[in-house]
N, C-alpha and C. Protein backbone atom coordinates (compact mmCIF):
# COMPACT_ATOMS: atom_id res chain seq x y z
N MET A 1 0.85 -1.20 0.00
CA MET A 1 0.00 0.00 0.00
C MET A 1 0.89 1.25 0.00
N LYS A 2 0.49 2.24 -0.78
CA LYS A 2 1.27 3.47 -0.90
C LYS A 2 0.78 4.51 0.11
N PRO A 3 1.61 5.50 0.42
CA PRO A 3 1.15 6.62 1.26
C PRO A 3 0.00 7.33 0.56
N PHE A 4 -0.91 7.90 1.33
CA PHE A 4 -2.10 8.48 0.72
C PHE A 4 -2.59 9.70 1.49
N GLN A 5 -3.44 10.47 0.82
CA GLN A 5 -4.01 11.67 1.43
C GLN A 5 -5.23 11.29 2.26
N VAL A 6 -5.27 11.75 3.50
CA VAL A 6 -6.40 11.54 4.40
C VAL A 6 -7.44 12.63 4.20
N PHE A 7 -6.97 13.85 4.19
CA PHE A 7 -7.79 15.05 4.00
C PHE A 7 -6.84 16.10 3.47
N GLU A 8 -7.37 17.21 3.08
CA GLU A 8 -6.51 18.26 2.55
C GLU A 8 -5.37 18.57 3.52
N ARG A 9 -4.12 18.36 3.02
CA ARG A 9 -2.89 18.68 3.75
C ARG A 9 -2.55 17.70 4.88
N VAL A 10 -3.25 16.58 4.93
CA VAL A 10 -2.97 15.52 5.90
C VAL A 10 -2.81 14.20 5.15
N TYR A 11 -1.74 13.45 5.47
CA TYR A 11 -1.42 12.22 4.75
C TYR A 11 -1.02 11.13 5.73
N GLN A 12 -1.27 9.88 5.36
CA GLN A 12 -0.70 8.77 6.11
C GLN A 12 0.51 8.27 5.33
N ILE A 13 1.67 8.25 5.99
CA ILE A 13 2.91 7.87 5.32
C ILE A 13 3.51 6.59 5.87
N GLY A 14 2.92 6.04 6.93
CA GLY A 14 3.44 4.82 7.50
C GLY A 14 2.39 4.11 8.32
N GLY A 15 2.67 2.85 8.60
CA GLY A 15 1.75 2.02 9.36
C GLY A 15 1.85 0.58 8.88
N PRO A 16 1.09 -0.33 9.49
CA PRO A 16 1.21 -1.75 9.18
C PRO A 16 1.10 -2.10 7.70
N ASP A 17 0.26 -1.42 6.95
CA ASP A 17 0.07 -1.75 5.53
C ASP A 17 0.94 -0.92 4.60
N ILE A 18 1.70 0.03 5.18
CA ILE A 18 2.49 0.95 4.34
C ILE A 18 3.98 0.76 4.56
N THR A 19 4.40 0.62 5.80
CA THR A 19 5.83 0.49 6.10
C THR A 19 6.14 -0.86 6.74
N SER A 20 5.74 -1.07 7.99
CA SER A 20 6.06 -2.32 8.69
C SER A 20 4.91 -2.70 9.62
N SER A 21 4.73 -3.99 9.80
CA SER A 21 3.63 -4.47 10.65
C SER A 21 3.77 -4.01 12.10
N ALA A 22 5.00 -3.70 12.52
CA ALA A 22 5.23 -3.27 13.91
C ALA A 22 5.08 -1.77 14.10
N ASP A 23 4.92 -1.03 13.03
CA ASP A 23 4.79 0.42 13.13
C ASP A 23 3.38 0.83 13.54
N CYS A 24 3.29 1.91 14.30
CA CYS A 24 2.01 2.57 14.48
C CYS A 24 1.65 3.27 13.17
N CYS A 25 0.47 3.84 13.09
CA CYS A 25 0.12 4.66 11.94
C CYS A 25 0.85 6.00 12.06
N ILE A 26 1.46 6.43 10.97
CA ILE A 26 2.32 7.61 10.96
C ILE A 26 1.74 8.62 9.97
N TYR A 27 1.62 9.87 10.40
CA TYR A 27 0.94 10.87 9.60
C TYR A 27 1.85 12.07 9.29
N LEU A 28 1.56 12.70 8.17
CA LEU A 28 2.30 13.88 7.72
C LEU A 28 1.34 15.05 7.61
N ILE A 29 1.75 16.21 8.13
CA ILE A 29 0.98 17.45 7.99
C ILE A 29 1.74 18.40 7.09
N ASN A 30 1.06 18.93 6.10
CA ASN A 30 1.65 19.89 5.17
C ASN A 30 1.24 21.30 5.57
N GLY A 31 2.17 22.03 6.19
CA GLY A 31 1.89 23.40 6.60
C GLY A 31 2.27 24.43 5.56
N GLY A 32 2.57 23.97 4.35
CA GLY A 32 2.96 24.89 3.29
C GLY A 32 4.46 25.10 3.27
N SER A 33 4.95 25.96 4.13
CA SER A 33 6.38 26.25 4.17
C SER A 33 7.16 25.21 4.96
N GLU A 34 6.47 24.40 5.75
CA GLU A 34 7.14 23.36 6.53
C GLU A 34 6.19 22.20 6.78
N LEU A 35 6.76 21.07 7.20
CA LEU A 35 6.02 19.84 7.40
C LEU A 35 6.20 19.35 8.83
N ALA A 36 5.29 18.49 9.26
CA ALA A 36 5.42 17.82 10.56
C ALA A 36 5.02 16.36 10.40
N VAL A 37 5.67 15.49 11.15
CA VAL A 37 5.35 14.07 11.17
C VAL A 37 4.81 13.72 12.55
N ILE A 38 3.65 13.05 12.57
CA ILE A 38 3.05 12.60 13.82
C ILE A 38 3.46 11.16 14.06
N ASP A 39 4.34 10.93 15.04
CA ASP A 39 4.91 9.64 15.40
C ASP A 39 5.82 9.11 14.29
N THR A 40 6.69 8.16 14.67
CA THR A 40 7.74 7.75 13.73
C THR A 40 7.89 6.24 13.61
N GLY A 41 7.00 5.46 14.23
CA GLY A 41 7.08 4.02 14.11
C GLY A 41 8.17 3.40 14.94
N LEU A 42 8.37 2.09 14.75
CA LEU A 42 9.32 1.32 15.54
C LEU A 42 10.77 1.70 15.26
N GLY A 43 11.03 2.17 14.06
CA GLY A 43 12.38 2.61 13.73
C GLY A 43 13.04 1.85 12.60
N LYS A 44 12.47 0.72 12.20
CA LYS A 44 13.07 -0.09 11.15
C LYS A 44 12.69 0.39 9.75
N SER A 45 11.73 1.31 9.67
CA SER A 45 11.23 1.75 8.37
C SER A 45 11.50 3.22 8.10
N VAL A 46 12.47 3.79 8.80
CA VAL A 46 12.67 5.24 8.72
C VAL A 46 13.08 5.69 7.31
N SER A 47 13.90 4.91 6.63
CA SER A 47 14.30 5.29 5.27
C SER A 47 13.09 5.29 4.34
N LYS A 48 12.21 4.32 4.55
CA LYS A 48 11.00 4.26 3.71
C LYS A 48 10.07 5.43 4.02
N LEU A 49 10.02 5.87 5.26
CA LEU A 49 9.21 7.04 5.60
C LEU A 49 9.67 8.25 4.80
N ILE A 50 10.96 8.43 4.73
CA ILE A 50 11.50 9.56 3.97
C ILE A 50 11.15 9.42 2.49
N ARG A 51 11.28 8.22 1.96
CA ARG A 51 10.91 7.99 0.55
C ARG A 51 9.43 8.26 0.33
N ASN A 52 8.60 7.88 1.28
CA ASN A 52 7.16 8.10 1.14
C ASN A 52 6.82 9.58 1.13
N ILE A 53 7.52 10.35 1.94
CA ILE A 53 7.31 11.80 1.93
C ILE A 53 7.67 12.37 0.57
N GLU A 54 8.78 11.92 0.04
CA GLU A 54 9.23 12.39 -1.29
C GLU A 54 8.27 11.91 -2.37
N GLN A 55 7.77 10.70 -2.22
CA GLN A 55 6.84 10.14 -3.21
C GLN A 55 5.56 10.96 -3.31
N LEU A 56 5.16 11.56 -2.21
CA LEU A 56 3.97 12.41 -2.21
C LEU A 56 4.25 13.79 -2.81
N GLY A 57 5.50 14.05 -3.15
CA GLY A 57 5.85 15.30 -3.81
C GLY A 57 6.41 16.36 -2.89
N PHE A 58 6.73 15.97 -1.65
CA PHE A 58 7.27 16.93 -0.69
C PHE A 58 8.78 16.78 -0.54
N ASN A 59 9.41 17.84 -0.08
CA ASN A 59 10.83 17.81 0.23
C ASN A 59 10.96 17.39 1.69
N SER A 60 11.56 16.23 1.94
CA SER A 60 11.65 15.73 3.32
C SER A 60 12.46 16.67 4.21
N ALA A 61 13.32 17.49 3.62
CA ALA A 61 14.09 18.45 4.41
C ALA A 61 13.21 19.52 5.06
N ALA A 62 11.96 19.61 4.60
CA ALA A 62 11.02 20.58 5.17
C ALA A 62 10.33 20.05 6.43
N VAL A 63 10.62 18.81 6.82
CA VAL A 63 10.04 18.26 8.05
C VAL A 63 10.76 18.89 9.25
N ASN A 64 10.16 19.91 9.79
CA ASN A 64 10.77 20.65 10.90
C ASN A 64 10.35 20.13 12.27
N TYR A 65 9.25 19.32 12.30
CA TYR A 65 8.74 18.85 13.59
C TYR A 65 8.45 17.36 13.55
N LEU A 66 8.82 16.68 14.62
CA LEU A 66 8.46 15.29 14.87
C LEU A 66 7.65 15.27 16.16
N VAL A 67 6.37 14.99 16.05
CA VAL A 67 5.47 15.03 17.20
C VAL A 67 5.34 13.62 17.78
N ALA A 68 5.75 13.45 19.02
CA ALA A 68 5.64 12.17 19.70
C ALA A 68 4.39 12.17 20.56
N THR A 69 3.39 11.40 20.14
CA THR A 69 2.13 11.41 20.90
C THR A 69 2.31 10.76 22.27
N HIS A 70 3.22 9.79 22.36
CA HIS A 70 3.58 9.20 23.65
C HIS A 70 4.86 8.39 23.47
N GLY A 71 5.39 7.87 24.58
CA GLY A 71 6.74 7.33 24.57
C GLY A 71 6.90 5.85 24.31
N HIS A 72 5.96 5.20 23.63
CA HIS A 72 6.13 3.78 23.33
C HIS A 72 6.95 3.60 22.06
N ILE A 73 7.76 2.54 22.06
CA ILE A 73 8.76 2.33 21.02
C ILE A 73 8.16 2.27 19.62
N ASP A 74 6.95 1.75 19.46
CA ASP A 74 6.35 1.67 18.13
C ASP A 74 5.89 3.03 17.62
N HIS A 75 6.01 4.06 18.47
CA HIS A 75 5.69 5.43 18.08
C HIS A 75 6.94 6.32 18.04
N ILE A 76 7.97 5.95 18.78
CA ILE A 76 9.14 6.84 18.90
C ILE A 76 10.45 6.21 18.42
N GLY A 77 10.39 4.97 17.95
CA GLY A 77 11.63 4.28 17.58
C GLY A 77 12.40 4.95 16.46
N GLY A 78 11.71 5.71 15.62
CA GLY A 78 12.38 6.38 14.51
C GLY A 78 12.81 7.81 14.80
N LEU A 79 12.58 8.29 16.02
CA LEU A 79 12.87 9.69 16.33
C LEU A 79 14.34 10.04 16.12
N ALA A 80 15.24 9.22 16.66
CA ALA A 80 16.66 9.57 16.62
C ALA A 80 17.16 9.71 15.18
N TYR A 81 16.82 8.74 14.34
CA TYR A 81 17.28 8.77 12.94
C TYR A 81 16.69 9.97 12.20
N LEU A 82 15.39 10.16 12.33
CA LEU A 82 14.75 11.25 11.58
C LEU A 82 15.19 12.61 12.09
N LYS A 83 15.37 12.75 13.40
CA LYS A 83 15.83 14.02 13.95
C LYS A 83 17.19 14.38 13.38
N GLU A 84 18.10 13.42 13.35
CA GLU A 84 19.45 13.68 12.86
C GLU A 84 19.46 13.88 11.35
N THR A 85 18.73 13.03 10.63
CA THR A 85 18.77 13.06 9.17
C THR A 85 18.08 14.30 8.61
N LEU A 86 16.97 14.68 9.20
CA LEU A 86 16.17 15.79 8.68
C LEU A 86 16.38 17.09 9.45
N ASN A 87 17.15 17.02 10.53
CA ASN A 87 17.40 18.20 11.38
C ASN A 87 16.08 18.75 11.93
N SER A 88 15.24 17.83 12.38
CA SER A 88 13.91 18.19 12.89
C SER A 88 13.94 18.41 14.39
N ARG A 89 12.90 19.04 14.89
CA ARG A 89 12.74 19.26 16.33
C ARG A 89 11.68 18.29 16.85
N VAL A 90 11.95 17.70 18.01
CA VAL A 90 11.04 16.73 18.62
C VAL A 90 10.14 17.43 19.63
N LEU A 91 8.85 17.13 19.55
CA LEU A 91 7.86 17.68 20.49
C LEU A 91 7.24 16.54 21.28
N ALA A 92 7.08 16.73 22.59
CA ALA A 92 6.42 15.74 23.44
C ALA A 92 5.96 16.43 24.72
N HIS A 93 5.10 15.75 25.46
CA HIS A 93 4.67 16.25 26.76
C HIS A 93 5.74 16.00 27.80
N GLU A 94 5.81 16.86 28.79
CA GLU A 94 6.85 16.76 29.83
C GLU A 94 6.84 15.41 30.55
N LEU A 95 5.67 14.80 30.70
CA LEU A 95 5.59 13.54 31.43
C LEU A 95 6.09 12.35 30.61
N GLU A 96 6.37 12.56 29.33
CA GLU A 96 6.95 11.49 28.50
C GLU A 96 8.47 11.60 28.39
N LEU A 97 9.06 12.63 28.98
CA LEU A 97 10.50 12.82 28.87
C LEU A 97 11.30 11.64 29.43
N PRO A 98 10.90 11.03 30.56
CA PRO A 98 11.69 9.90 31.05
C PRO A 98 11.81 8.77 30.03
N ALA A 99 10.76 8.52 29.28
CA ALA A 99 10.81 7.47 28.26
C ALA A 99 11.61 7.93 27.04
N ILE A 100 11.25 9.07 26.47
CA ILE A 100 11.83 9.51 25.21
C ILE A 100 13.30 9.88 25.35
N GLU A 101 13.66 10.49 26.47
CA GLU A 101 15.05 10.89 26.67
C GLU A 101 15.90 9.81 27.33
N GLY A 102 15.31 8.64 27.59
CA GLY A 102 16.08 7.48 28.00
C GLY A 102 16.34 7.30 29.47
N LYS A 103 15.67 8.06 30.31
CA LYS A 103 15.89 7.93 31.74
C LYS A 103 15.10 6.75 32.33
N ASN A 104 14.06 6.32 31.64
CA ASN A 104 13.27 5.17 32.06
C ASN A 104 12.88 4.37 30.81
N ILE A 105 13.80 3.56 30.34
CA ILE A 105 13.60 2.80 29.10
C ILE A 105 12.43 1.83 29.22
N ARG A 106 12.15 1.37 30.42
CA ARG A 106 11.02 0.45 30.60
C ARG A 106 9.72 1.06 30.13
N ARG A 107 9.61 2.37 30.29
CA ARG A 107 8.39 3.07 29.87
C ARG A 107 8.17 3.03 28.34
N THR A 108 9.24 2.74 27.59
CA THR A 108 9.10 2.71 26.13
C THR A 108 8.48 1.42 25.62
N ALA A 109 8.41 0.39 26.47
CA ALA A 109 7.92 -0.94 26.08
C ALA A 109 8.80 -1.57 25.00
N ALA A 110 10.05 -1.14 24.90
CA ALA A 110 10.96 -1.71 23.89
C ALA A 110 11.16 -3.20 24.10
N GLY A 111 11.15 -3.65 25.36
CA GLY A 111 11.34 -5.06 25.64
C GLY A 111 10.25 -5.94 25.05
N VAL A 112 9.05 -5.39 24.93
CA VAL A 112 7.94 -6.14 24.35
C VAL A 112 8.23 -6.48 22.89
N TYR A 113 8.93 -5.58 22.21
CA TYR A 113 9.23 -5.76 20.78
C TYR A 113 10.61 -6.38 20.55
N GLY A 114 11.36 -6.57 21.62
CA GLY A 114 12.67 -7.17 21.49
C GLY A 114 13.67 -6.31 20.73
N VAL A 115 13.55 -5.00 20.88
CA VAL A 115 14.46 -4.08 20.20
C VAL A 115 15.04 -3.11 21.22
N SER A 116 16.08 -2.42 20.83
CA SER A 116 16.65 -1.39 21.68
C SER A 116 16.15 -0.02 21.23
N TYR A 117 16.20 0.93 22.13
CA TYR A 117 15.73 2.28 21.84
C TYR A 117 16.88 3.26 21.96
N GLU A 118 17.00 4.15 20.98
CA GLU A 118 18.02 5.20 21.03
C GLU A 118 17.37 6.49 21.51
N PRO A 119 17.69 6.92 22.72
CA PRO A 119 17.05 8.11 23.28
C PRO A 119 17.38 9.38 22.48
N VAL A 120 16.47 10.34 22.57
CA VAL A 120 16.69 11.65 21.95
C VAL A 120 16.27 12.74 22.93
N ASP A 121 16.83 13.92 22.75
CA ASP A 121 16.40 15.08 23.53
C ASP A 121 15.13 15.65 22.92
N VAL A 122 14.22 16.05 23.78
CA VAL A 122 12.98 16.68 23.32
C VAL A 122 13.23 18.18 23.25
N ASP A 123 12.95 18.77 22.10
CA ASP A 123 13.22 20.19 21.87
C ASP A 123 12.07 21.10 22.28
N ILE A 124 10.84 20.61 22.10
CA ILE A 124 9.65 21.39 22.42
C ILE A 124 8.84 20.60 23.43
N VAL A 125 8.74 21.12 24.65
CA VAL A 125 8.08 20.39 25.74
C VAL A 125 6.71 21.02 26.01
N ILE A 126 5.68 20.20 25.87
CA ILE A 126 4.33 20.64 26.22
C ILE A 126 4.13 20.42 27.71
N ARG A 127 3.73 21.45 28.41
CA ARG A 127 3.54 21.36 29.86
C ARG A 127 2.08 21.63 30.20
N GLY A 128 1.59 20.92 31.20
CA GLY A 128 0.22 21.14 31.63
C GLY A 128 -0.79 20.51 30.71
N ASN A 129 -1.96 21.14 30.61
CA ASN A 129 -3.10 20.53 29.94
C ASN A 129 -3.11 20.68 28.42
N GLU A 130 -2.34 21.65 27.89
CA GLU A 130 -2.42 21.86 26.44
C GLU A 130 -1.30 22.79 25.97
N GLY A 131 -0.88 22.58 24.74
CA GLY A 131 0.07 23.46 24.09
C GLY A 131 -0.20 23.44 22.59
N PHE A 132 0.62 24.15 21.84
CA PHE A 132 0.43 24.14 20.39
C PHE A 132 1.73 24.52 19.71
N ILE A 133 1.81 24.18 18.41
CA ILE A 133 2.88 24.66 17.55
C ILE A 133 2.26 25.15 16.26
N GLU A 134 2.96 26.01 15.58
CA GLU A 134 2.54 26.45 14.25
C GLU A 134 3.45 25.79 13.22
N ILE A 135 2.82 25.03 12.34
CA ILE A 135 3.51 24.34 11.26
C ILE A 135 3.20 25.11 9.98
N GLY A 136 4.08 26.00 9.59
CA GLY A 136 3.75 26.90 8.49
C GLY A 136 2.52 27.70 8.85
N ASP A 137 1.47 27.56 8.04
CA ASP A 137 0.24 28.31 8.30
C ASP A 137 -0.83 27.48 9.01
N ILE A 138 -0.43 26.35 9.59
CA ILE A 138 -1.36 25.48 10.31
C ILE A 138 -1.02 25.49 11.80
N LYS A 139 -2.04 25.61 12.62
CA LYS A 139 -1.87 25.53 14.07
C LYS A 139 -2.24 24.13 14.53
N LEU A 140 -1.30 23.44 15.15
CA LEU A 140 -1.54 22.11 15.69
C LEU A 140 -1.67 22.21 17.20
N ILE A 141 -2.86 21.94 17.70
CA ILE A 141 -3.14 22.03 19.12
C ILE A 141 -2.90 20.66 19.76
N CYS A 142 -2.22 20.65 20.90
CA CYS A 142 -1.78 19.40 21.52
C CYS A 142 -2.31 19.27 22.93
N PRO A 143 -3.54 18.79 23.10
CA PRO A 143 -4.06 18.58 24.45
C PRO A 143 -3.44 17.36 25.12
N HIS A 144 -3.26 17.45 26.41
CA HIS A 144 -2.72 16.35 27.20
C HIS A 144 -3.85 15.35 27.46
N THR A 145 -3.63 14.09 27.07
CA THR A 145 -4.65 13.05 27.26
C THR A 145 -3.99 11.84 27.93
N PRO A 146 -3.75 11.91 29.23
CA PRO A 146 -3.10 10.81 29.95
C PRO A 146 -4.01 9.60 30.09
N GLY A 147 -3.37 8.48 30.40
CA GLY A 147 -4.11 7.25 30.66
C GLY A 147 -3.38 6.04 30.12
N HIS A 148 -3.21 6.00 28.81
CA HIS A 148 -2.40 4.93 28.20
C HIS A 148 -0.97 5.06 28.71
N THR A 149 -0.46 6.28 28.70
CA THR A 149 0.81 6.64 29.34
C THR A 149 0.57 7.97 30.08
N PRO A 150 1.50 8.40 30.94
CA PRO A 150 1.25 9.62 31.71
C PRO A 150 1.18 10.89 30.88
N GLY A 151 1.96 10.96 29.80
CA GLY A 151 2.05 12.21 29.04
C GLY A 151 1.54 12.12 27.63
N GLY A 152 0.52 11.32 27.41
CA GLY A 152 -0.03 11.19 26.06
C GLY A 152 -0.57 12.51 25.54
N LEU A 153 -0.39 12.74 24.25
CA LEU A 153 -0.96 13.89 23.56
C LEU A 153 -1.89 13.40 22.46
N SER A 154 -2.95 14.13 22.22
CA SER A 154 -3.87 13.83 21.11
C SER A 154 -4.02 15.10 20.27
N PRO A 155 -3.05 15.37 19.40
CA PRO A 155 -3.07 16.62 18.63
C PRO A 155 -4.26 16.70 17.66
N TYR A 156 -4.66 17.93 17.37
CA TYR A 156 -5.70 18.13 16.35
C TYR A 156 -5.47 19.45 15.64
N LEU A 157 -6.08 19.56 14.47
CA LEU A 157 -6.01 20.80 13.69
C LEU A 157 -7.33 21.02 12.99
N ASP A 158 -7.59 22.25 12.63
CA ASP A 158 -8.82 22.63 11.93
C ASP A 158 -8.48 23.12 10.54
N LEU A 159 -9.11 22.50 9.53
CA LEU A 159 -8.87 22.83 8.13
C LEU A 159 -10.18 22.83 7.36
N LYS A 160 -10.42 23.90 6.62
CA LYS A 160 -11.61 23.97 5.76
C LYS A 160 -12.89 23.62 6.52
N GLY A 161 -12.99 24.08 7.76
CA GLY A 161 -14.18 23.83 8.54
C GLY A 161 -14.29 22.42 9.10
N LYS A 162 -13.22 21.63 8.99
CA LYS A 162 -13.20 20.27 9.50
C LYS A 162 -12.11 20.13 10.56
N ARG A 163 -12.36 19.28 11.54
CA ARG A 163 -11.38 19.03 12.60
C ARG A 163 -10.79 17.63 12.43
N VAL A 164 -9.46 17.58 12.36
CA VAL A 164 -8.74 16.31 12.20
C VAL A 164 -8.01 16.02 13.51
N LEU A 165 -8.35 14.90 14.12
CA LEU A 165 -7.80 14.50 15.42
C LEU A 165 -6.84 13.33 15.25
N PHE A 166 -5.66 13.46 15.82
CA PHE A 166 -4.69 12.37 15.83
C PHE A 166 -4.76 11.72 17.21
N GLY A 167 -5.71 10.82 17.36
CA GLY A 167 -5.97 10.18 18.65
C GLY A 167 -5.27 8.84 18.74
N GLN A 168 -3.95 8.88 18.90
CA GLN A 168 -3.18 7.65 18.88
C GLN A 168 -3.48 6.78 20.11
N ASP A 169 -3.65 5.48 19.86
CA ASP A 169 -3.83 4.48 20.92
C ASP A 169 -5.01 4.76 21.84
N ILE A 170 -6.11 5.18 21.26
CA ILE A 170 -7.34 5.34 22.02
C ILE A 170 -7.74 4.02 22.67
N HIS A 171 -7.39 2.92 22.02
CA HIS A 171 -7.77 1.59 22.48
C HIS A 171 -6.96 1.10 23.68
N GLY A 172 -5.92 1.82 24.09
CA GLY A 172 -5.03 1.32 25.13
C GLY A 172 -3.86 0.59 24.47
N PRO A 173 -3.33 -0.47 25.05
CA PRO A 173 -3.69 -1.13 26.30
C PRO A 173 -3.09 -0.42 27.51
N PHE A 174 -3.19 -1.06 28.67
CA PHE A 174 -2.77 -0.43 29.91
C PHE A 174 -1.85 -1.37 30.70
N ASN A 175 -0.82 -0.77 31.27
CA ASN A 175 0.15 -1.55 32.03
C ASN A 175 0.78 -0.64 33.08
N PRO A 176 0.78 -1.04 34.35
CA PRO A 176 1.38 -0.19 35.39
C PRO A 176 2.84 0.17 35.11
N ALA A 177 3.56 -0.71 34.41
CA ALA A 177 4.96 -0.44 34.11
C ALA A 177 5.12 0.75 33.19
N TRP A 178 4.07 1.09 32.45
CA TRP A 178 4.11 2.25 31.55
C TRP A 178 3.56 3.50 32.21
N GLY A 179 3.08 3.38 33.45
CA GLY A 179 2.43 4.50 34.11
C GLY A 179 0.99 4.68 33.68
N SER A 180 0.37 3.60 33.21
CA SER A 180 -1.03 3.68 32.76
C SER A 180 -1.98 3.99 33.90
N ASP A 181 -3.07 4.65 33.56
CA ASP A 181 -4.09 5.03 34.55
C ASP A 181 -5.44 5.00 33.85
N VAL A 182 -6.22 3.94 34.08
CA VAL A 182 -7.49 3.75 33.36
C VAL A 182 -8.48 4.86 33.70
N ALA A 183 -8.53 5.27 34.94
CA ALA A 183 -9.46 6.34 35.33
C ALA A 183 -9.12 7.64 34.60
N ALA A 184 -7.84 7.95 34.49
CA ALA A 184 -7.41 9.15 33.77
C ALA A 184 -7.77 9.04 32.30
N TRP A 185 -7.63 7.84 31.74
CA TRP A 185 -7.93 7.66 30.32
C TRP A 185 -9.40 7.85 30.02
N LYS A 186 -10.28 7.44 30.92
CA LYS A 186 -11.71 7.67 30.72
C LYS A 186 -12.00 9.16 30.64
N GLN A 187 -11.34 9.94 31.47
CA GLN A 187 -11.51 11.39 31.40
C GLN A 187 -10.94 11.95 30.10
N SER A 188 -9.83 11.36 29.64
CA SER A 188 -9.24 11.79 28.37
C SER A 188 -10.17 11.50 27.20
N LEU A 189 -10.82 10.34 27.23
CA LEU A 189 -11.75 9.99 26.16
C LEU A 189 -12.92 10.97 26.12
N LYS A 190 -13.38 11.39 27.28
CA LYS A 190 -14.46 12.37 27.33
C LYS A 190 -13.99 13.70 26.74
N LYS A 191 -12.74 14.06 26.99
CA LYS A 191 -12.16 15.27 26.42
C LYS A 191 -12.13 15.17 24.89
N LEU A 192 -11.76 13.98 24.39
CA LEU A 192 -11.72 13.78 22.94
C LEU A 192 -13.11 13.85 22.32
N LEU A 193 -14.09 13.31 23.01
CA LEU A 193 -15.47 13.40 22.52
C LEU A 193 -15.92 14.85 22.41
N ASP A 194 -15.52 15.65 23.38
CA ASP A 194 -15.90 17.07 23.38
C ASP A 194 -15.29 17.83 22.20
N LEU A 195 -14.21 17.32 21.64
CA LEU A 195 -13.59 17.97 20.48
C LEU A 195 -14.45 17.86 19.23
N ASP A 196 -15.34 16.86 19.21
CA ASP A 196 -16.31 16.71 18.11
C ASP A 196 -15.59 16.69 16.75
N ALA A 197 -14.60 15.83 16.64
CA ALA A 197 -13.78 15.79 15.43
C ALA A 197 -14.52 15.17 14.24
N ASP A 198 -14.15 15.64 13.05
CA ASP A 198 -14.71 15.11 11.81
C ASP A 198 -13.90 13.93 11.28
N PHE A 199 -12.60 13.91 11.60
CA PHE A 199 -11.70 12.83 11.20
C PHE A 199 -10.92 12.37 12.43
N LEU A 200 -10.78 11.07 12.56
CA LEU A 200 -9.92 10.50 13.58
C LEU A 200 -8.83 9.67 12.92
N CYS A 201 -7.59 10.07 13.12
CA CYS A 201 -6.44 9.29 12.65
C CYS A 201 -5.91 8.54 13.86
N GLU A 202 -6.29 7.28 13.99
CA GLU A 202 -5.95 6.47 15.17
C GLU A 202 -4.56 5.88 15.00
N GLY A 203 -4.02 5.38 16.10
CA GLY A 203 -2.64 4.92 16.10
C GLY A 203 -2.41 3.56 15.49
N HIS A 204 -3.46 2.71 15.50
CA HIS A 204 -3.27 1.35 14.99
C HIS A 204 -4.47 0.84 14.21
N PHE A 205 -5.60 1.49 14.34
CA PHE A 205 -6.83 0.96 13.75
C PHE A 205 -7.46 1.87 12.72
N GLY A 206 -6.63 2.59 12.01
CA GLY A 206 -7.09 3.28 10.82
C GLY A 206 -7.71 4.65 11.03
N ILE A 207 -8.47 5.06 10.02
CA ILE A 207 -8.97 6.42 9.92
C ILE A 207 -10.50 6.40 9.88
N TYR A 208 -11.11 7.26 10.65
CA TYR A 208 -12.56 7.37 10.71
C TYR A 208 -12.95 8.75 10.20
N LYS A 209 -13.91 8.80 9.26
CA LYS A 209 -14.07 10.00 8.44
C LYS A 209 -15.40 10.74 8.59
N THR A 210 -16.16 10.45 9.58
CA THR A 210 -17.34 11.27 9.87
C THR A 210 -17.44 11.47 11.37
N LYS A 211 -18.14 12.53 11.77
CA LYS A 211 -18.32 12.78 13.21
C LYS A 211 -18.95 11.56 13.90
N GLU A 212 -19.93 10.97 13.22
CA GLU A 212 -20.63 9.82 13.80
C GLU A 212 -19.69 8.64 14.03
N LYS A 213 -18.84 8.35 13.04
CA LYS A 213 -17.93 7.22 13.16
C LYS A 213 -16.85 7.49 14.20
N VAL A 214 -16.38 8.74 14.26
CA VAL A 214 -15.38 9.11 15.27
C VAL A 214 -15.96 8.94 16.67
N ARG A 215 -17.14 9.48 16.86
CA ARG A 215 -17.77 9.40 18.19
C ARG A 215 -18.04 7.95 18.58
N LYS A 216 -18.54 7.18 17.63
CA LYS A 216 -18.86 5.78 17.92
C LYS A 216 -17.61 5.01 18.32
N TYR A 217 -16.50 5.28 17.62
CA TYR A 217 -15.26 4.58 17.93
C TYR A 217 -14.77 4.92 19.33
N ILE A 218 -14.74 6.20 19.66
CA ILE A 218 -14.26 6.60 20.99
C ILE A 218 -15.18 6.06 22.08
N GLU A 219 -16.47 6.17 21.86
CA GLU A 219 -17.43 5.72 22.88
C GLU A 219 -17.33 4.22 23.12
N SER A 220 -16.91 3.47 22.11
CA SER A 220 -16.81 2.02 22.27
C SER A 220 -15.81 1.62 23.34
N TYR A 221 -14.84 2.50 23.60
CA TYR A 221 -13.83 2.21 24.63
C TYR A 221 -14.22 2.78 25.99
N LEU A 222 -15.30 3.53 26.02
CA LEU A 222 -15.82 4.00 27.31
C LEU A 222 -16.80 2.99 27.88
N ASP A 223 -17.36 2.14 27.04
CA ASP A 223 -18.36 1.17 27.49
C ASP A 223 -17.72 0.02 28.27
């Protein structure tokens, strides 16, 4: 499967059917003058990610931001390579720094995948309940949605009257070793429902393209 357009200026460039079965779903945002990548997969497909960006007609050197939704290896394994190769800046929530920066490797779940993790410094730290970055002419809002991990982010943007939500790992799972908190995640899911998104780009289970389908998917994990 080739990389494809999800909505205007939003693309899926990686995931189980595009790069590797162990990768999360990986998304590209086109801000015009610069690009951002949402999560980077396990790390074994990083060269293909760059080729996929180029295949879509973009200059991979314009990827100025790598957004880490949380610190699990299947989402952050490619950070080190892409940061160095593309000279990008890494964004994450402050509560994910122990995992991403290598102070608590157990939090990355790398052992589950039988791989090692190369830590990276986080350049843009989201603190508290919400932050944002400007990617060219697009504003990416990054609300804190803890539960799956302590510092999970669920970024979203508004384009052409539509809201696109990158709700990675809405499904969980949960493990005390990762700092999971089911009660916190239920509150996070309610926060995501309140966003009333038109598109949901999930971390492992694809893309949902109407408000009704987005709401139904999120609510299914509250039941």
